[in-house]
Amino acid sequence: MKIKFAWCTPHLDSARKNEFEREIAEKISQHLDEHEKSAEVIVYLHEEYEEADRYRIRGNAVCVEEGQEIELIKEIRINEGFLIEFTHHSWFSTRTL
């Protein structure tokens, strides 16, 4: 399984991003079936909220299929830099770009 990360969170350092990438990849791989593991997964992490030393990052993991169809796998939330949660526990239907 190939996972690519697209970070739009300029305030996180590379070490913290690497740590999150490892943890997110591990959690996402637990939710994929064999067919989905053969596709490329892209994780977009975009909204960053900062309050003092706390922050939240939200993102989406999408599965890229042939023919430019993507499937939203999970929404991801990183809360205060420690807890990574999936905000939905169900799969979403495939849509075409």
N, C-alpha and C. Protein backbone atom coordinates (compact mmCIF):
# COMPACT_ATOMS: atom_id res chain seq x y z
N MET A 1 0.84 -1.17 0.00
CA MET A 1 0.00 0.00 0.00
C MET A 1 0.89 1.24 0.00
N LYS A 2 0.57 2.15 -0.88
CA LYS A 2 1.34 3.39 -0.97
C LYS A 2 0.48 4.53 -0.43
N ILE A 3 1.01 5.24 0.56
CA ILE A 3 0.30 6.37 1.14
C ILE A 3 1.12 7.63 0.92
N LYS A 4 0.47 8.65 0.37
CA LYS A 4 1.11 9.95 0.19
C LYS A 4 0.43 10.94 1.13
N PHE A 5 1.21 11.86 1.66
CA PHE A 5 0.68 12.87 2.56
C PHE A 5 0.81 14.25 1.94
N ALA A 6 -0.25 15.02 2.01
CA ALA A 6 -0.25 16.40 1.55
C ALA A 6 -0.57 17.28 2.75
N TRP A 7 0.44 17.97 3.25
CA TRP A 7 0.31 18.81 4.45
C TRP A 7 0.10 20.26 4.05
N CYS A 8 -0.94 20.87 4.56
CA CYS A 8 -1.15 22.32 4.43
C CYS A 8 -1.21 22.90 5.83
N THR A 9 -0.21 22.60 6.60
CA THR A 9 -0.14 23.01 8.00
C THR A 9 1.26 23.54 8.26
N PRO A 10 1.52 24.80 7.97
CA PRO A 10 2.88 25.34 7.99
C PRO A 10 3.55 25.42 9.35
N HIS A 11 2.81 25.28 10.43
CA HIS A 11 3.42 25.48 11.74
C HIS A 11 3.98 24.20 12.37
N LEU A 12 3.75 23.06 11.77
CA LEU A 12 4.29 21.81 12.32
C LEU A 12 5.67 21.54 11.77
N ASP A 13 6.57 21.09 12.61
CA ASP A 13 7.92 20.77 12.13
C ASP A 13 7.94 19.37 11.50
N SER A 14 9.00 19.07 10.79
CA SER A 14 9.12 17.81 10.05
C SER A 14 9.08 16.60 10.97
N ALA A 15 9.70 16.69 12.12
CA ALA A 15 9.71 15.55 13.05
C ALA A 15 8.30 15.21 13.50
N ARG A 16 7.51 16.22 13.81
CA ARG A 16 6.13 15.98 14.25
C ARG A 16 5.29 15.43 13.10
N LYS A 17 5.49 15.95 11.90
CA LYS A 17 4.76 15.44 10.74
C LYS A 17 5.10 13.98 10.50
N ASN A 18 6.38 13.63 10.59
CA ASN A 18 6.79 12.23 10.39
C ASN A 18 6.14 11.31 11.41
N GLU A 19 6.06 11.77 12.64
CA GLU A 19 5.42 10.98 13.70
C GLU A 19 3.95 10.76 13.39
N PHE A 20 3.25 11.84 12.98
CA PHE A 20 1.85 11.71 12.61
C PHE A 20 1.67 10.80 11.40
N GLU A 21 2.54 10.91 10.42
CA GLU A 21 2.42 10.08 9.21
C GLU A 21 2.50 8.60 9.55
N ARG A 22 3.42 8.24 10.41
CA ARG A 22 3.54 6.83 10.81
C ARG A 22 2.26 6.34 11.50
N GLU A 23 1.77 7.14 12.43
CA GLU A 23 0.59 6.73 13.17
C GLU A 23 -0.66 6.69 12.29
N ILE A 24 -0.82 7.70 11.44
CA ILE A 24 -1.97 7.73 10.54
C ILE A 24 -1.93 6.56 9.57
N ALA A 25 -0.76 6.28 8.99
CA ALA A 25 -0.63 5.17 8.04
C ALA A 25 -1.00 3.85 8.70
N GLU A 26 -0.56 3.66 9.92
CA GLU A 26 -0.87 2.42 10.64
C GLU A 26 -2.38 2.28 10.87
N LYS A 27 -3.02 3.37 11.28
CA LYS A 27 -4.45 3.31 11.56
C LYS A 27 -5.27 3.15 10.28
N ILE A 28 -4.86 3.83 9.21
CA ILE A 28 -5.60 3.70 7.95
C ILE A 28 -5.50 2.29 7.41
N SER A 29 -4.32 1.69 7.47
CA SER A 29 -4.13 0.35 6.90
C SER A 29 -5.00 -0.68 7.60
N GLN A 30 -5.38 -0.45 8.83
CA GLN A 30 -6.25 -1.37 9.55
C GLN A 30 -7.67 -1.36 9.00
N HIS A 31 -8.04 -0.32 8.25
CA HIS A 31 -9.41 -0.17 7.77
C HIS A 31 -9.57 -0.50 6.30
N LEU A 32 -8.52 -0.91 5.63
CA LEU A 32 -8.60 -1.18 4.20
C LEU A 32 -8.73 -2.66 3.92
N ASP A 33 -9.54 -3.00 2.90
CA ASP A 33 -9.57 -4.39 2.46
C ASP A 33 -8.47 -4.60 1.42
N GLU A 34 -8.31 -5.83 0.93
CA GLU A 34 -7.20 -6.14 0.02
C GLU A 34 -7.26 -5.33 -1.27
N HIS A 35 -8.46 -5.12 -1.80
CA HIS A 35 -8.60 -4.33 -3.04
C HIS A 35 -8.11 -2.90 -2.81
N GLU A 36 -8.51 -2.31 -1.71
CA GLU A 36 -8.13 -0.93 -1.44
C GLU A 36 -6.65 -0.81 -1.13
N LYS A 37 -6.05 -1.85 -0.57
CA LYS A 37 -4.62 -1.79 -0.27
C LYS A 37 -3.78 -1.76 -1.54
N SER A 38 -4.35 -2.19 -2.66
CA SER A 38 -3.60 -2.17 -3.91
C SER A 38 -3.65 -0.79 -4.57
N ALA A 39 -4.54 0.07 -4.12
CA ALA A 39 -4.65 1.42 -4.68
C ALA A 39 -3.78 2.38 -3.89
N GLU A 40 -3.59 3.55 -4.45
CA GLU A 40 -2.84 4.59 -3.75
C GLU A 40 -3.77 5.35 -2.81
N VAL A 41 -3.29 5.61 -1.62
CA VAL A 41 -4.06 6.38 -0.65
C VAL A 41 -3.38 7.73 -0.46
N ILE A 42 -4.16 8.79 -0.54
CA ILE A 42 -3.63 10.13 -0.31
C ILE A 42 -4.30 10.69 0.93
N VAL A 43 -3.49 11.22 1.84
CA VAL A 43 -4.01 11.82 3.06
C VAL A 43 -3.78 13.32 2.98
N TYR A 44 -4.88 14.08 3.00
CA TYR A 44 -4.81 15.54 3.00
C TYR A 44 -5.02 16.01 4.43
N LEU A 45 -4.09 16.76 4.94
CA LEU A 45 -4.22 17.33 6.28
C LEU A 45 -4.18 18.84 6.12
N HIS A 46 -5.27 19.48 6.46
CA HIS A 46 -5.39 20.86 6.02
C HIS A 46 -5.72 21.88 7.08
N GLU A 47 -6.73 21.74 7.85
CA GLU A 47 -7.14 22.83 8.72
C GLU A 47 -6.36 22.77 10.02
N GLU A 48 -5.71 23.84 10.35
CA GLU A 48 -4.94 23.90 11.58
C GLU A 48 -5.47 25.03 12.44
N TYR A 49 -5.82 24.72 13.66
CA TYR A 49 -6.29 25.72 14.62
C TYR A 49 -5.29 25.77 15.75
N GLU A 50 -4.83 26.94 16.07
CA GLU A 50 -3.86 27.08 17.15
C GLU A 50 -4.44 27.94 18.26
N GLU A 51 -4.33 27.46 19.47
CA GLU A 51 -4.71 28.21 20.66
C GLU A 51 -3.63 27.94 21.69
N ALA A 52 -2.80 28.91 21.96
CA ALA A 52 -1.66 28.73 22.88
C ALA A 52 -0.83 27.54 22.40
N ASP A 53 -0.70 26.51 23.21
CA ASP A 53 0.09 25.34 22.81
C ASP A 53 -0.78 24.22 22.25
N ARG A 54 -2.03 24.48 22.03
CA ARG A 54 -2.93 23.44 21.53
C ARG A 54 -3.19 23.67 20.04
N TYR A 55 -3.46 22.60 19.34
CA TYR A 55 -3.83 22.76 17.94
C TYR A 55 -4.65 21.56 17.50
N ARG A 56 -5.38 21.76 16.43
CA ARG A 56 -6.16 20.68 15.83
C ARG A 56 -5.88 20.67 14.35
N ILE A 57 -5.78 19.48 13.82
CA ILE A 57 -5.60 19.31 12.38
C ILE A 57 -6.70 18.38 11.91
N ARG A 58 -7.34 18.75 10.82
CA ARG A 58 -8.35 17.87 10.25
C ARG A 58 -7.89 17.49 8.86
N GLY A 59 -8.36 16.35 8.40
CA GLY A 59 -7.97 15.93 7.07
C GLY A 59 -8.86 14.82 6.55
N ASN A 60 -8.57 14.39 5.36
CA ASN A 60 -9.29 13.29 4.72
C ASN A 60 -8.29 12.31 4.16
N ALA A 61 -8.64 11.04 4.22
CA ALA A 61 -7.87 10.01 3.53
C ALA A 61 -8.71 9.54 2.36
N VAL A 62 -8.15 9.58 1.17
CA VAL A 62 -8.89 9.16 -0.02
C VAL A 62 -8.13 8.04 -0.71
N CYS A 63 -8.89 7.14 -1.30
CA CYS A 63 -8.33 6.02 -2.03
C CYS A 63 -8.46 6.33 -3.52
N VAL A 64 -7.37 6.33 -4.23
CA VAL A 64 -7.37 6.69 -5.65
C VAL A 64 -7.49 5.42 -6.48
N GLU A 65 -8.52 5.36 -7.30
CA GLU A 65 -8.75 4.21 -8.16
C GLU A 65 -8.43 4.58 -9.60
N GLU A 66 -8.36 3.58 -10.45
CA GLU A 66 -8.16 3.85 -11.87
C GLU A 66 -9.37 4.61 -12.40
N GLY A 67 -9.14 5.42 -13.42
CA GLY A 67 -10.21 6.23 -13.99
C GLY A 67 -10.50 7.47 -13.18
N GLN A 68 -9.57 7.85 -12.31
CA GLN A 68 -9.66 9.06 -11.50
C GLN A 68 -10.86 9.07 -10.56
N GLU A 69 -11.28 7.91 -10.11
CA GLU A 69 -12.31 7.87 -9.09
C GLU A 69 -11.63 7.85 -7.74
N ILE A 70 -12.20 8.56 -6.81
CA ILE A 70 -11.64 8.53 -5.46
C ILE A 70 -12.72 8.10 -4.49
N GLU A 71 -12.30 7.48 -3.43
CA GLU A 71 -13.23 7.08 -2.38
C GLU A 71 -12.74 7.68 -1.08
N LEU A 72 -13.62 8.42 -0.42
CA LEU A 72 -13.26 8.97 0.88
C LEU A 72 -13.25 7.83 1.88
N ILE A 73 -12.10 7.59 2.47
CA ILE A 73 -11.98 6.49 3.41
C ILE A 73 -12.38 6.95 4.80
N LYS A 74 -11.71 7.95 5.28
CA LYS A 74 -11.96 8.42 6.64
C LYS A 74 -11.68 9.90 6.73
N GLU A 75 -12.38 10.54 7.63
CA GLU A 75 -11.98 11.88 8.04
C GLU A 75 -11.11 11.70 9.27
N ILE A 76 -10.09 12.52 9.37
CA ILE A 76 -9.09 12.37 10.43
C ILE A 76 -9.04 13.65 11.25
N ARG A 77 -8.91 13.49 12.54
CA ARG A 77 -8.73 14.66 13.40
C ARG A 77 -7.55 14.40 14.34
N ILE A 78 -6.63 15.33 14.40
CA ILE A 78 -5.53 15.26 15.35
C ILE A 78 -5.82 16.33 16.39
N ASN A 79 -6.02 15.93 17.62
CA ASN A 79 -6.45 16.85 18.66
C ASN A 79 -5.33 17.11 19.64
N GLU A 80 -4.90 18.35 19.71
CA GLU A 80 -3.87 18.79 20.63
C GLU A 80 -2.56 18.03 20.45
N GLY A 81 -2.34 17.53 19.25
CA GLY A 81 -1.07 16.89 18.95
C GLY A 81 -0.90 15.50 19.50
N PHE A 82 -1.92 14.93 20.13
CA PHE A 82 -1.75 13.63 20.74
C PHE A 82 -2.73 12.58 20.23
N LEU A 83 -3.99 12.94 20.12
CA LEU A 83 -5.02 11.96 19.83
C LEU A 83 -5.42 12.04 18.36
N ILE A 84 -5.29 10.95 17.66
CA ILE A 84 -5.74 10.89 16.27
C ILE A 84 -7.03 10.09 16.25
N GLU A 85 -8.09 10.70 15.77
CA GLU A 85 -9.40 10.05 15.74
C GLU A 85 -9.92 10.02 14.31
N PHE A 86 -10.69 8.99 14.02
CA PHE A 86 -11.46 8.98 12.79
C PHE A 86 -12.85 9.50 13.15
N THR A 87 -13.32 10.52 12.46
CA THR A 87 -14.58 11.13 12.85
C THR A 87 -15.79 10.42 12.24
N HIS A 88 -15.57 9.50 11.34
CA HIS A 88 -16.66 8.69 10.78
C HIS A 88 -16.22 7.23 10.84
N HIS A 89 -17.18 6.37 11.07
CA HIS A 89 -16.86 4.96 11.18
C HIS A 89 -17.46 4.15 10.03
N SER A 90 -17.79 4.79 8.95
CA SER A 90 -18.35 4.07 7.81
C SER A 90 -17.66 4.52 6.54
N TRP A 91 -17.79 3.69 5.52
CA TRP A 91 -17.20 3.99 4.22
C TRP A 91 -18.12 4.91 3.45
N PHE A 92 -17.56 5.66 2.53
CA PHE A 92 -18.33 6.58 1.71
C PHE A 92 -18.31 6.09 0.27
N SER A 93 -19.36 6.43 -0.47
CA SER A 93 -19.45 5.93 -1.84
C SER A 93 -18.43 6.59 -2.74
N THR A 94 -18.05 5.87 -3.78
CA THR A 94 -17.08 6.36 -4.75
C THR A 94 -17.72 7.46 -5.60
N ARG A 95 -16.94 8.46 -5.91
CA ARG A 95 -17.41 9.52 -6.78
C ARG A 95 -16.33 9.84 -7.81
N THR A 96 -16.73 10.41 -8.92
CA THR A 96 -15.79 10.74 -9.98
C THR A 96 -15.41 12.20 -9.88
N LEU A 97 -14.13 12.49 -10.09
CA LEU A 97 -13.67 13.88 -10.06
C LEU A 97 -14.17 14.63 -11.28
